[in-house]
Each structure stands twice: as C-alpha cells, then as structure tokens.
Amino acid sequence: MDKKLIRKIVIGGVMSAIAIFLGATHLGFIPWFAGASLTIMAVPVIIGAVLEGPIVGLVIGFLFGLFSLIQGAIAPTGPADVWFVNPLISILPRLFIGPAAWLVYRSLKGHVRVPALILSGIAGSLTNTVLVLAMIGFLGHLPWLMIGTIAVVNGLPEAAACAIITLAVVAAWQKIEYGRRRSDLE
C-alpha cells in the first residue's frame, strides 16, 4: 500500500478520533458569555486538511458534523442543540471547513508558512461559524441581527483559538521554526 495513502488514513483517523473525543467529553467547548460556549471542534478538521489535503479535511468535517447530529439527537445540552438534528445545520457546513483551510494554507505556504497556518486556522473556523449560522438563519431559527451578534461575539474568539492551536500543533508536527525557537528534533 502507498505510504502517502497510509499516512492520510492514519492522520485522518487520529484527527477524527480527536474531534469525537472533544465532542463526547465537551472538552471541545470553552465556557463563554451568558452560558454560551466557544468551540474548538473545527481544529482537528483544519489540522487534518493542512497536513493531508482537502479530502481528508472533508472526511473529518463529515464525521464532526455527524457527531454533532447524533449529539443533538441523543444528548442535547441546550435548547439550540435540537436544531443540529437537521443535517443542513450539523453536517453540510462542516464539509467545507477542511477544504477552505487547505485552500488558504496551500495558497500561502510557499511564501509565508507561519502566517499560512494562522490564516488557515482562521479560515476554517470562520467557515464553520458563517455556514452554520447562515443555515440557522435561512431555516428561520434565529433573527439575522442575533446571528450577526453571535458571529462576532463567538466567531472571532473561536477563530483566534483555532489559529493559535493550528499553528502550535502543525508547527510542532512539521518541526517548523517560528519565533525564536527551533525544534530539537531536527
């Protein structure tokens, strides 16, 4: 079997397992204002896409969305969680996280790797936020003004967290020099 294919399968599997673990344990949710949470559930999708390409990101995004659908059906933690039983909200938007993050990373990595990682983390996170909230709005679950507020109040901190975690994990994985530190593994 091709080594590249094996690597894609392994990284895709590990990142999928991490996404499911973060969701099942609620470690993927950071408490925020007024009972809301910030999610870093997109991070494994982004990292998988950056490391192994858009198809791996799409598969991990699908599993993230499927897990969200199942979680909304069997273990909702709030009134809005029942909306995620609809695959247009839980699955469809998550399919675009990895390809969006990969596209940003691929277009910038040859010139500026650290900013490419940061911007891919932001792009993947904002793709999730914008598409999920857009579906919630199109389906009439919340008024558009409230959706805009949620996008700013939750979406921007989530994007910052995803950018930082993506940079840290991928830089360590690829032993990239950033800042003044170098990996001792080179």
N, C-alpha and C. Protein backbone atom coordinates (compact mmCIF):
# COMPACT_ATOMS: atom_id res chain seq x y z
N MET A 1 0.85 -1.18 0.00
CA MET A 1 0.00 0.00 0.00
C MET A 1 0.90 1.24 0.00
N ASP A 2 0.47 2.26 -0.67
CA ASP A 2 1.21 3.51 -0.80
C ASP A 2 1.40 4.19 0.57
N LYS A 3 2.61 4.64 0.86
CA LYS A 3 2.90 5.28 2.15
C LYS A 3 2.09 6.57 2.34
N LYS A 4 1.89 7.32 1.26
CA LYS A 4 1.11 8.56 1.36
C LYS A 4 -0.34 8.27 1.73
N LEU A 5 -0.89 7.22 1.15
CA LEU A 5 -2.27 6.84 1.46
C LEU A 5 -2.38 6.38 2.91
N ILE A 6 -1.42 5.59 3.35
CA ILE A 6 -1.42 5.13 4.74
C ILE A 6 -1.35 6.32 5.69
N ARG A 7 -0.49 7.29 5.38
CA ARG A 7 -0.37 8.49 6.21
C ARG A 7 -1.69 9.25 6.25
N LYS A 8 -2.35 9.41 5.10
CA LYS A 8 -3.64 10.10 5.05
C LYS A 8 -4.67 9.39 5.93
N ILE A 9 -4.70 8.06 5.84
CA ILE A 9 -5.66 7.28 6.63
C ILE A 9 -5.37 7.42 8.12
N VAL A 10 -4.11 7.34 8.48
CA VAL A 10 -3.74 7.43 9.90
C VAL A 10 -4.04 8.82 10.46
N ILE A 11 -3.61 9.86 9.76
CA ILE A 11 -3.86 11.22 10.26
C ILE A 11 -5.35 11.52 10.26
N GLY A 12 -6.05 11.11 9.21
CA GLY A 12 -7.50 11.30 9.18
C GLY A 12 -8.18 10.59 10.34
N GLY A 13 -7.75 9.37 10.64
CA GLY A 13 -8.33 8.61 11.75
C GLY A 13 -8.03 9.24 13.09
N VAL A 14 -6.80 9.66 13.28
CA VAL A 14 -6.43 10.30 14.56
C VAL A 14 -7.19 11.60 14.76
N MET A 15 -7.25 12.43 13.72
CA MET A 15 -7.95 13.71 13.85
C MET A 15 -9.46 13.50 14.04
N SER A 16 -10.02 12.49 13.38
CA SER A 16 -11.44 12.17 13.58
C SER A 16 -11.69 11.73 15.02
N ALA A 17 -10.81 10.88 15.53
CA ALA A 17 -10.95 10.42 16.91
C ALA A 17 -10.84 11.59 17.89
N ILE A 18 -9.94 12.52 17.62
CA ILE A 18 -9.80 13.69 18.49
C ILE A 18 -11.07 14.54 18.44
N ALA A 19 -11.64 14.74 17.24
CA ALA A 19 -12.88 15.51 17.12
C ALA A 19 -14.01 14.86 17.91
N ILE A 20 -14.14 13.55 17.79
CA ILE A 20 -15.19 12.84 18.52
C ILE A 20 -14.94 12.90 20.03
N PHE A 21 -13.69 12.73 20.43
CA PHE A 21 -13.34 12.83 21.86
C PHE A 21 -13.68 14.21 22.41
N LEU A 22 -13.30 15.26 21.67
CA LEU A 22 -13.59 16.63 22.13
C LEU A 22 -15.08 16.86 22.29
N GLY A 23 -15.86 16.31 21.36
CA GLY A 23 -17.31 16.47 21.45
C GLY A 23 -17.93 15.65 22.57
N ALA A 24 -17.50 14.40 22.69
CA ALA A 24 -18.09 13.49 23.68
C ALA A 24 -17.78 13.93 25.11
N THR A 25 -16.60 14.49 25.31
CA THR A 25 -16.20 14.90 26.66
C THR A 25 -16.53 16.37 26.94
N HIS A 26 -16.99 17.07 25.93
CA HIS A 26 -17.26 18.51 26.00
C HIS A 26 -16.00 19.34 26.23
N LEU A 27 -14.82 18.73 26.03
CA LEU A 27 -13.57 19.49 26.11
C LEU A 27 -13.39 20.39 24.89
N GLY A 28 -14.19 20.16 23.87
CA GLY A 28 -14.13 20.99 22.67
C GLY A 28 -14.92 22.27 22.79
N PHE A 29 -15.48 22.50 23.98
CA PHE A 29 -16.30 23.69 24.21
C PHE A 29 -15.74 24.47 25.39
N ILE A 30 -15.48 25.73 25.16
CA ILE A 30 -14.92 26.61 26.20
C ILE A 30 -16.04 27.51 26.69
N PRO A 31 -16.34 27.49 28.01
CA PRO A 31 -17.42 28.35 28.52
C PRO A 31 -17.17 29.82 28.15
N TRP A 32 -18.26 30.51 27.80
CA TRP A 32 -18.17 31.89 27.33
C TRP A 32 -19.30 32.68 27.95
N PHE A 33 -19.62 33.82 27.43
CA PHE A 33 -20.64 34.71 28.00
C PHE A 33 -22.02 34.08 28.04
N ALA A 34 -22.75 34.39 29.09
CA ALA A 34 -24.18 34.08 29.22
C ALA A 34 -24.54 32.63 28.90
N GLY A 35 -23.70 31.71 29.32
CA GLY A 35 -23.98 30.30 29.11
C GLY A 35 -23.62 29.77 27.74
N ALA A 36 -23.17 30.63 26.85
CA ALA A 36 -22.74 30.18 25.52
C ALA A 36 -21.35 29.56 25.63
N SER A 37 -20.94 28.87 24.59
CA SER A 37 -19.62 28.25 24.56
C SER A 37 -18.92 28.58 23.25
N LEU A 38 -17.61 28.64 23.33
CA LEU A 38 -16.79 28.71 22.13
C LEU A 38 -16.40 27.29 21.78
N THR A 39 -16.38 26.96 20.52
CA THR A 39 -15.99 25.61 20.14
C THR A 39 -14.65 25.60 19.42
N ILE A 40 -13.85 24.62 19.76
CA ILE A 40 -12.60 24.39 19.04
C ILE A 40 -12.69 23.05 18.30
N MET A 41 -13.92 22.61 18.07
CA MET A 41 -14.16 21.33 17.40
C MET A 41 -13.67 21.33 15.96
N ALA A 42 -13.51 22.51 15.37
CA ALA A 42 -13.04 22.58 13.98
C ALA A 42 -11.53 22.33 13.88
N VAL A 43 -10.81 22.41 14.98
CA VAL A 43 -9.35 22.29 14.94
C VAL A 43 -8.87 20.97 14.32
N PRO A 44 -9.38 19.82 14.71
CA PRO A 44 -8.91 18.58 14.07
C PRO A 44 -9.20 18.55 12.57
N VAL A 45 -10.30 19.15 12.16
CA VAL A 45 -10.65 19.21 10.74
C VAL A 45 -9.60 20.06 10.01
N ILE A 46 -9.29 21.22 10.57
CA ILE A 46 -8.32 22.15 9.97
C ILE A 46 -6.94 21.50 9.90
N ILE A 47 -6.51 20.91 11.00
CA ILE A 47 -5.18 20.29 11.04
C ILE A 47 -5.11 19.12 10.04
N GLY A 48 -6.13 18.29 10.00
CA GLY A 48 -6.14 17.19 9.04
C GLY A 48 -6.04 17.68 7.61
N ALA A 49 -6.75 18.75 7.29
CA ALA A 49 -6.71 19.30 5.93
C ALA A 49 -5.36 19.92 5.61
N VAL A 50 -4.79 20.65 6.55
CA VAL A 50 -3.49 21.28 6.33
C VAL A 50 -2.41 20.22 6.13
N LEU A 51 -2.45 19.17 6.94
CA LEU A 51 -1.43 18.14 6.85
C LEU A 51 -1.62 17.21 5.66
N GLU A 52 -2.87 16.88 5.32
CA GLU A 52 -3.10 15.82 4.33
C GLU A 52 -4.04 16.17 3.19
N GLY A 53 -4.54 17.38 3.13
CA GLY A 53 -5.32 17.80 1.97
C GLY A 53 -6.81 17.92 2.19
N PRO A 54 -7.50 18.43 1.17
CA PRO A 54 -8.92 18.77 1.32
C PRO A 54 -9.84 17.56 1.48
N ILE A 55 -9.49 16.42 0.89
CA ILE A 55 -10.36 15.24 1.02
C ILE A 55 -10.33 14.73 2.46
N VAL A 56 -9.14 14.69 3.06
CA VAL A 56 -9.03 14.28 4.46
C VAL A 56 -9.82 15.26 5.33
N GLY A 57 -9.68 16.56 5.06
CA GLY A 57 -10.44 17.57 5.81
C GLY A 57 -11.93 17.39 5.64
N LEU A 58 -12.37 17.08 4.42
CA LEU A 58 -13.79 16.85 4.16
C LEU A 58 -14.31 15.66 4.96
N VAL A 59 -13.55 14.58 4.99
CA VAL A 59 -13.97 13.37 5.72
C VAL A 59 -14.06 13.66 7.22
N ILE A 60 -13.05 14.33 7.77
CA ILE A 60 -13.07 14.65 9.20
C ILE A 60 -14.21 15.62 9.49
N GLY A 61 -14.45 16.58 8.60
CA GLY A 61 -15.56 17.50 8.75
C GLY A 61 -16.90 16.78 8.75
N PHE A 62 -17.02 15.77 7.87
CA PHE A 62 -18.25 14.97 7.84
C PHE A 62 -18.45 14.25 9.18
N LEU A 63 -17.39 13.66 9.70
CA LEU A 63 -17.51 12.95 10.98
C LEU A 63 -17.82 13.91 12.12
N PHE A 64 -17.22 15.11 12.10
CA PHE A 64 -17.53 16.14 13.09
C PHE A 64 -19.01 16.49 13.00
N GLY A 65 -19.52 16.70 11.79
CA GLY A 65 -20.92 17.04 11.62
C GLY A 65 -21.84 15.90 12.02
N LEU A 66 -21.49 14.68 11.65
CA LEU A 66 -22.29 13.52 12.03
C LEU A 66 -22.35 13.39 13.54
N PHE A 67 -21.22 13.59 14.20
CA PHE A 67 -21.20 13.54 15.66
C PHE A 67 -22.09 14.64 16.24
N SER A 68 -22.07 15.83 15.65
CA SER A 68 -22.94 16.92 16.12
C SER A 68 -24.41 16.53 15.98
N LEU A 69 -24.75 15.89 14.86
CA LEU A 69 -26.13 15.46 14.64
C LEU A 69 -26.55 14.44 15.70
N ILE A 70 -25.70 13.45 15.92
CA ILE A 70 -26.01 12.42 16.92
C ILE A 70 -26.11 13.03 18.31
N GLN A 71 -25.17 13.91 18.65
CA GLN A 71 -25.16 14.57 19.95
C GLN A 71 -26.44 15.38 20.14
N GLY A 72 -26.86 16.10 19.10
CA GLY A 72 -28.08 16.89 19.18
C GLY A 72 -29.31 16.01 19.38
N ALA A 73 -29.27 14.80 18.83
CA ALA A 73 -30.42 13.89 18.93
C ALA A 73 -30.49 13.17 20.26
N ILE A 74 -29.35 12.72 20.77
CA ILE A 74 -29.40 11.87 21.97
C ILE A 74 -28.94 12.54 23.25
N ALA A 75 -28.18 13.63 23.15
CA ALA A 75 -27.67 14.26 24.37
C ALA A 75 -27.57 15.78 24.23
N PRO A 76 -28.69 16.45 23.89
CA PRO A 76 -28.62 17.90 23.77
C PRO A 76 -28.31 18.55 25.12
N THR A 77 -27.50 19.59 25.09
CA THR A 77 -27.14 20.28 26.34
C THR A 77 -27.82 21.63 26.46
N GLY A 78 -28.51 22.06 25.43
CA GLY A 78 -29.21 23.33 25.45
C GLY A 78 -30.34 23.32 24.43
N PRO A 79 -31.20 24.33 24.48
CA PRO A 79 -32.36 24.34 23.57
C PRO A 79 -31.99 24.43 22.09
N ALA A 80 -30.88 25.06 21.76
CA ALA A 80 -30.48 25.20 20.36
C ALA A 80 -29.89 23.91 19.79
N ASP A 81 -29.47 23.00 20.67
CA ASP A 81 -28.85 21.76 20.20
C ASP A 81 -29.78 20.91 19.34
N VAL A 82 -31.09 21.01 19.56
CA VAL A 82 -32.03 20.22 18.76
C VAL A 82 -32.02 20.64 17.29
N TRP A 83 -31.61 21.87 16.99
CA TRP A 83 -31.50 22.32 15.60
C TRP A 83 -30.47 21.48 14.84
N PHE A 84 -29.48 20.95 15.56
CA PHE A 84 -28.39 20.21 14.93
C PHE A 84 -28.78 18.80 14.52
N VAL A 85 -30.02 18.40 14.78
CA VAL A 85 -30.54 17.14 14.27
C VAL A 85 -30.75 17.26 12.76
N ASN A 86 -30.88 18.47 12.28
CA ASN A 86 -31.01 18.73 10.85
C ASN A 86 -29.62 18.68 10.21
N PRO A 87 -29.37 17.76 9.26
CA PRO A 87 -28.04 17.67 8.64
C PRO A 87 -27.63 18.91 7.85
N LEU A 88 -28.59 19.76 7.48
CA LEU A 88 -28.23 21.02 6.81
C LEU A 88 -27.49 21.95 7.76
N ILE A 89 -27.72 21.78 9.05
CA ILE A 89 -27.02 22.60 10.06
C ILE A 89 -25.81 21.85 10.61
N SER A 90 -25.98 20.57 10.91
CA SER A 90 -24.92 19.83 11.60
C SER A 90 -23.84 19.30 10.66
N ILE A 91 -24.19 18.86 9.47
CA ILE A 91 -23.22 18.20 8.60
C ILE A 91 -22.76 19.07 7.44
N LEU A 92 -23.69 19.60 6.67
CA LEU A 92 -23.34 20.32 5.45
C LEU A 92 -22.28 21.42 5.65
N PRO A 93 -22.43 22.31 6.62
CA PRO A 93 -21.41 23.37 6.78
C PRO A 93 -20.03 22.82 7.15
N ARG A 94 -19.99 21.71 7.88
CA ARG A 94 -18.72 21.15 8.34
C ARG A 94 -17.92 20.54 7.20
N LEU A 95 -18.58 20.21 6.09
CA LEU A 95 -17.89 19.65 4.93
C LEU A 95 -16.93 20.66 4.29
N PHE A 96 -17.16 21.93 4.52
CA PHE A 96 -16.38 22.99 3.88
C PHE A 96 -15.21 23.49 4.73
N ILE A 97 -15.15 23.11 6.01
CA ILE A 97 -14.08 23.59 6.90
C ILE A 97 -12.71 23.20 6.37
N GLY A 98 -12.51 21.90 6.14
CA GLY A 98 -11.21 21.41 5.70
C GLY A 98 -10.79 21.96 4.35
N PRO A 99 -11.65 21.87 3.32
CA PRO A 99 -11.24 22.42 2.03
C PRO A 99 -10.92 23.92 2.08
N ALA A 100 -11.67 24.70 2.86
CA ALA A 100 -11.38 26.14 2.97
C ALA A 100 -10.02 26.37 3.64
N ALA A 101 -9.77 25.65 4.73
CA ALA A 101 -8.49 25.79 5.44
C ALA A 101 -7.33 25.35 4.55
N TRP A 102 -7.51 24.24 3.85
CA TRP A 102 -6.46 23.74 2.95
C TRP A 102 -6.17 24.73 1.83
N LEU A 103 -7.22 25.30 1.25
CA LEU A 103 -7.04 26.24 0.15
C LEU A 103 -6.22 27.46 0.59
N VAL A 104 -6.52 27.99 1.77
CA VAL A 104 -5.76 29.13 2.29
C VAL A 104 -4.32 28.72 2.56
N TYR A 105 -4.13 27.59 3.21
CA TYR A 105 -2.77 27.12 3.52
C TYR A 105 -1.98 26.87 2.25
N ARG A 106 -2.57 26.18 1.31
CA ARG A 106 -1.87 25.83 0.07
C ARG A 106 -1.47 27.07 -0.72
N SER A 107 -2.33 28.08 -0.71
CA SER A 107 -2.03 29.27 -1.49
C SER A 107 -0.94 30.13 -0.86
N LEU A 108 -0.71 29.97 0.43
CA LEU A 108 0.27 30.83 1.12
C LEU A 108 1.52 30.13 1.61
N LYS A 109 1.51 28.81 1.76
CA LYS A 109 2.59 28.11 2.45
C LYS A 109 3.96 28.26 1.80
N GLY A 110 4.01 28.41 0.50
CA GLY A 110 5.29 28.54 -0.18
C GLY A 110 6.00 29.84 0.12
N HIS A 111 5.26 30.83 0.57
CA HIS A 111 5.83 32.15 0.80
C HIS A 111 6.02 32.45 2.29
N VAL A 112 4.99 32.17 3.06
CA VAL A 112 4.99 32.53 4.48
C VAL A 112 4.28 31.44 5.28
N ARG A 113 5.01 30.46 5.78
CA ARG A 113 4.39 29.28 6.39
C ARG A 113 3.65 29.58 7.68
N VAL A 114 4.25 30.37 8.57
CA VAL A 114 3.58 30.65 9.84
C VAL A 114 2.28 31.43 9.60
N PRO A 115 2.31 32.53 8.85
CA PRO A 115 1.03 33.20 8.56
C PRO A 115 0.05 32.29 7.82
N ALA A 116 0.55 31.39 6.98
CA ALA A 116 -0.33 30.46 6.26
C ALA A 116 -1.07 29.56 7.25
N LEU A 117 -0.37 29.10 8.28
CA LEU A 117 -1.02 28.25 9.30
C LEU A 117 -2.04 29.06 10.10
N ILE A 118 -1.67 30.26 10.49
CA ILE A 118 -2.59 31.11 11.26
C ILE A 118 -3.84 31.41 10.44
N LEU A 119 -3.65 31.82 9.20
CA LEU A 119 -4.79 32.18 8.35
C LEU A 119 -5.63 30.96 7.98
N SER A 120 -5.02 29.79 7.87
CA SER A 120 -5.82 28.59 7.59
C SER A 120 -6.68 28.24 8.80
N GLY A 121 -6.16 28.43 10.01
CA GLY A 121 -6.95 28.21 11.21
C GLY A 121 -8.14 29.17 11.28
N ILE A 122 -7.89 30.43 10.96
CA ILE A 122 -8.96 31.43 10.95
C ILE A 122 -9.99 31.10 9.87
N ALA A 123 -9.51 30.77 8.68
CA ALA A 123 -10.43 30.46 7.57
C ALA A 123 -11.32 29.26 7.88
N GLY A 124 -10.73 28.20 8.41
CA GLY A 124 -11.52 27.02 8.74
C GLY A 124 -12.56 27.31 9.81
N SER A 125 -12.15 28.02 10.84
CA SER A 125 -13.07 28.35 11.93
C SER A 125 -14.20 29.25 11.45
N LEU A 126 -13.86 30.29 10.69
CA LEU A 126 -14.89 31.21 10.22
C LEU A 126 -15.82 30.54 9.20
N THR A 127 -15.29 29.60 8.43
CA THR A 127 -16.14 28.83 7.51
C THR A 127 -17.21 28.10 8.31
N ASN A 128 -16.81 27.45 9.39
CA ASN A 128 -17.76 26.75 10.25
C ASN A 128 -18.79 27.73 10.82
N THR A 129 -18.32 28.81 11.42
CA THR A 129 -19.21 29.78 12.06
C THR A 129 -20.20 30.37 11.07
N VAL A 130 -19.69 30.87 9.96
CA VAL A 130 -20.55 31.56 8.99
C VAL A 130 -21.57 30.59 8.38
N LEU A 131 -21.13 29.40 7.98
CA LEU A 131 -22.06 28.48 7.32
C LEU A 131 -23.10 27.90 8.29
N VAL A 132 -22.70 27.57 9.50
CA VAL A 132 -23.67 27.05 10.47
C VAL A 132 -24.69 28.14 10.81
N LEU A 133 -24.21 29.34 11.09
CA LEU A 133 -25.14 30.43 11.43
C LEU A 133 -26.02 30.81 10.24
N ALA A 134 -25.46 30.76 9.04
CA ALA A 134 -26.27 31.06 7.86
C ALA A 134 -27.41 30.05 7.72
N MET A 135 -27.12 28.78 7.93
CA MET A 135 -28.17 27.77 7.84
C MET A 135 -29.23 27.98 8.94
N ILE A 136 -28.79 28.34 10.13
CA ILE A 136 -29.73 28.63 11.21
C ILE A 136 -30.63 29.80 10.83
N GLY A 137 -30.03 30.81 10.20
CA GLY A 137 -30.81 31.97 9.76
C GLY A 137 -31.76 31.64 8.62
N PHE A 138 -31.26 30.91 7.61
CA PHE A 138 -32.11 30.55 6.46
C PHE A 138 -33.29 29.68 6.87
N LEU A 139 -33.08 28.86 7.89
CA LEU A 139 -34.17 27.99 8.35
C LEU A 139 -35.09 28.70 9.35
N GLY A 140 -34.77 29.96 9.67
CA GLY A 140 -35.64 30.78 10.50
C GLY A 140 -35.59 30.50 11.99
N HIS A 141 -34.52 29.88 12.46
CA HIS A 141 -34.42 29.58 13.89
C HIS A 141 -34.07 30.81 14.72
N LEU A 142 -33.33 31.74 14.16
CA LEU A 142 -32.95 32.96 14.87
C LEU A 142 -33.04 34.15 13.91
N PRO A 143 -33.30 35.34 14.45
CA PRO A 143 -33.29 36.53 13.60
C PRO A 143 -31.87 36.87 13.16
N TRP A 144 -31.74 37.45 11.96
CA TRP A 144 -30.43 37.74 11.38
C TRP A 144 -29.60 38.67 12.25
N LEU A 145 -30.24 39.62 12.94
CA LEU A 145 -29.49 40.53 13.81
C LEU A 145 -28.79 39.76 14.93
N MET A 146 -29.48 38.80 15.49
CA MET A 146 -28.90 37.98 16.54
C MET A 146 -27.76 37.11 15.98
N ILE A 147 -27.94 36.63 14.77
CA ILE A 147 -26.92 35.80 14.13
C ILE A 147 -25.64 36.61 13.93
N GLY A 148 -25.79 37.86 13.51
CA GLY A 148 -24.62 38.73 13.35
C GLY A 148 -23.88 38.95 14.65
N THR A 149 -24.63 39.13 15.72
CA THR A 149 -24.02 39.31 17.04
C THR A 149 -23.27 38.05 17.47
N ILE A 150 -23.89 36.90 17.28
CA ILE A 150 -23.25 35.63 17.64
C ILE A 150 -21.98 35.43 16.82
N ALA A 151 -22.04 35.77 15.54
CA ALA A 151 -20.87 35.61 14.67
C ALA A 151 -19.69 36.42 15.19
N VAL A 152 -19.94 37.61 15.67
CA VAL A 152 -18.85 38.46 16.17
C VAL A 152 -18.41 38.00 17.56
N VAL A 153 -19.37 37.82 18.47
CA VAL A 153 -19.04 37.52 19.87
C VAL A 153 -18.43 36.13 20.02
N ASN A 154 -18.93 35.15 19.28
CA ASN A 154 -18.38 33.80 19.37
C ASN A 154 -17.38 33.50 18.26
N GLY A 155 -17.71 33.93 17.06
CA GLY A 155 -16.91 33.56 15.89
C GLY A 155 -15.48 34.07 15.92
N LEU A 156 -15.29 35.31 16.32
CA LEU A 156 -13.93 35.87 16.31
C LEU A 156 -13.02 35.23 17.37
N PRO A 157 -13.48 35.04 18.62
CA PRO A 157 -12.62 34.33 19.58
C PRO A 157 -12.36 32.88 19.18
N GLU A 158 -13.36 32.21 18.59
CA GLU A 158 -13.14 30.84 18.11
C GLU A 158 -12.08 30.82 17.02
N ALA A 159 -12.13 31.78 16.13
CA ALA A 159 -11.15 31.86 15.04
C ALA A 159 -9.75 32.07 15.60
N ALA A 160 -9.63 32.93 16.62
CA ALA A 160 -8.32 33.17 17.24
C ALA A 160 -7.80 31.90 17.91
N ALA A 161 -8.67 31.21 18.63
CA ALA A 161 -8.26 29.96 19.29
C ALA A 161 -7.85 28.91 18.26
N CYS A 162 -8.62 28.77 17.21
CA CYS A 162 -8.28 27.79 16.16
C CYS A 162 -6.96 28.13 15.48
N ALA A 163 -6.71 29.42 15.27
CA ALA A 163 -5.46 29.85 14.64
C ALA A 163 -4.27 29.50 15.51
N ILE A 164 -4.37 29.77 16.80
CA ILE A 164 -3.26 29.51 17.73
C ILE A 164 -2.99 28.02 17.84
N ILE A 165 -4.05 27.24 18.02
CA ILE A 165 -3.88 25.79 18.18
C ILE A 165 -3.37 25.16 16.88
N THR A 166 -3.90 25.59 15.75
CA THR A 166 -3.43 25.06 14.46
C THR A 166 -1.95 25.35 14.27
N LEU A 167 -1.55 26.58 14.53
CA LEU A 167 -0.13 26.95 14.41
C LEU A 167 0.73 26.09 15.32
N ALA A 168 0.35 25.96 16.57
CA ALA A 168 1.16 25.22 17.54
C ALA A 168 1.29 23.75 17.16
N VAL A 169 0.18 23.12 16.81
CA VAL A 169 0.20 21.68 16.52
C VAL A 169 0.91 21.39 15.21
N VAL A 170 0.57 22.11 14.16
CA VAL A 170 1.18 21.82 12.86
C VAL A 170 2.65 22.21 12.86
N ALA A 171 2.99 23.32 13.50
CA ALA A 171 4.40 23.71 13.57
C ALA A 171 5.21 22.65 14.30
N ALA A 172 4.68 22.13 15.39
CA ALA A 172 5.38 21.07 16.11
C ALA A 172 5.47 19.82 15.24
N TRP A 173 4.36 19.50 14.58
CA TRP A 173 4.32 18.30 13.74
C TRP A 173 5.33 18.40 12.61
N GLN A 174 5.39 19.53 11.97
CA GLN A 174 6.28 19.69 10.83
C GLN A 174 7.64 20.26 11.22
N LYS A 175 7.83 20.46 12.52
CA LYS A 175 9.10 20.99 13.02
C LYS A 175 9.50 22.29 12.35
N ILE A 176 8.52 23.16 12.22
CA ILE A 176 8.75 24.47 11.61
C ILE A 176 9.33 25.41 12.65
N GLU A 177 10.26 26.22 12.23
CA GLU A 177 10.78 27.25 13.12
C GLU A 177 9.78 28.41 13.13
N TYR A 178 9.41 28.83 14.33
CA TYR A 178 8.59 30.02 14.45
C TYR A 178 9.05 30.75 15.70
N GLY A 179 8.99 32.06 15.63
CA GLY A 179 9.53 32.85 16.73
C GLY A 179 11.03 32.65 16.80
N ARG A 180 11.54 32.51 18.00
CA ARG A 180 12.97 32.29 18.20
C ARG A 180 13.32 30.85 18.50
N ARG A 181 12.31 30.00 18.55
CA ARG A 181 12.55 28.62 18.96
C ARG A 181 12.63 27.71 17.76
N ARG A 182 13.47 26.72 17.87
CA ARG A 182 13.60 25.67 16.85
C ARG A 182 13.30 24.33 17.52
N SER A 183 12.83 23.42 16.76
CA SER A 183 12.60 22.09 17.28
C SER A 183 13.94 21.39 17.52
N ASP A 184 14.03 20.69 18.62
CA ASP A 184 15.24 19.92 18.92
C ASP A 184 15.27 18.60 18.15
N LEU A 185 14.19 18.28 17.45
CA LEU A 185 14.09 17.01 16.76
C LEU A 185 14.72 17.03 15.37
N GLU A 186 15.14 18.19 14.90
CA GLU A 186 15.70 18.27 13.54
C GLU A 186 17.08 17.69 13.47
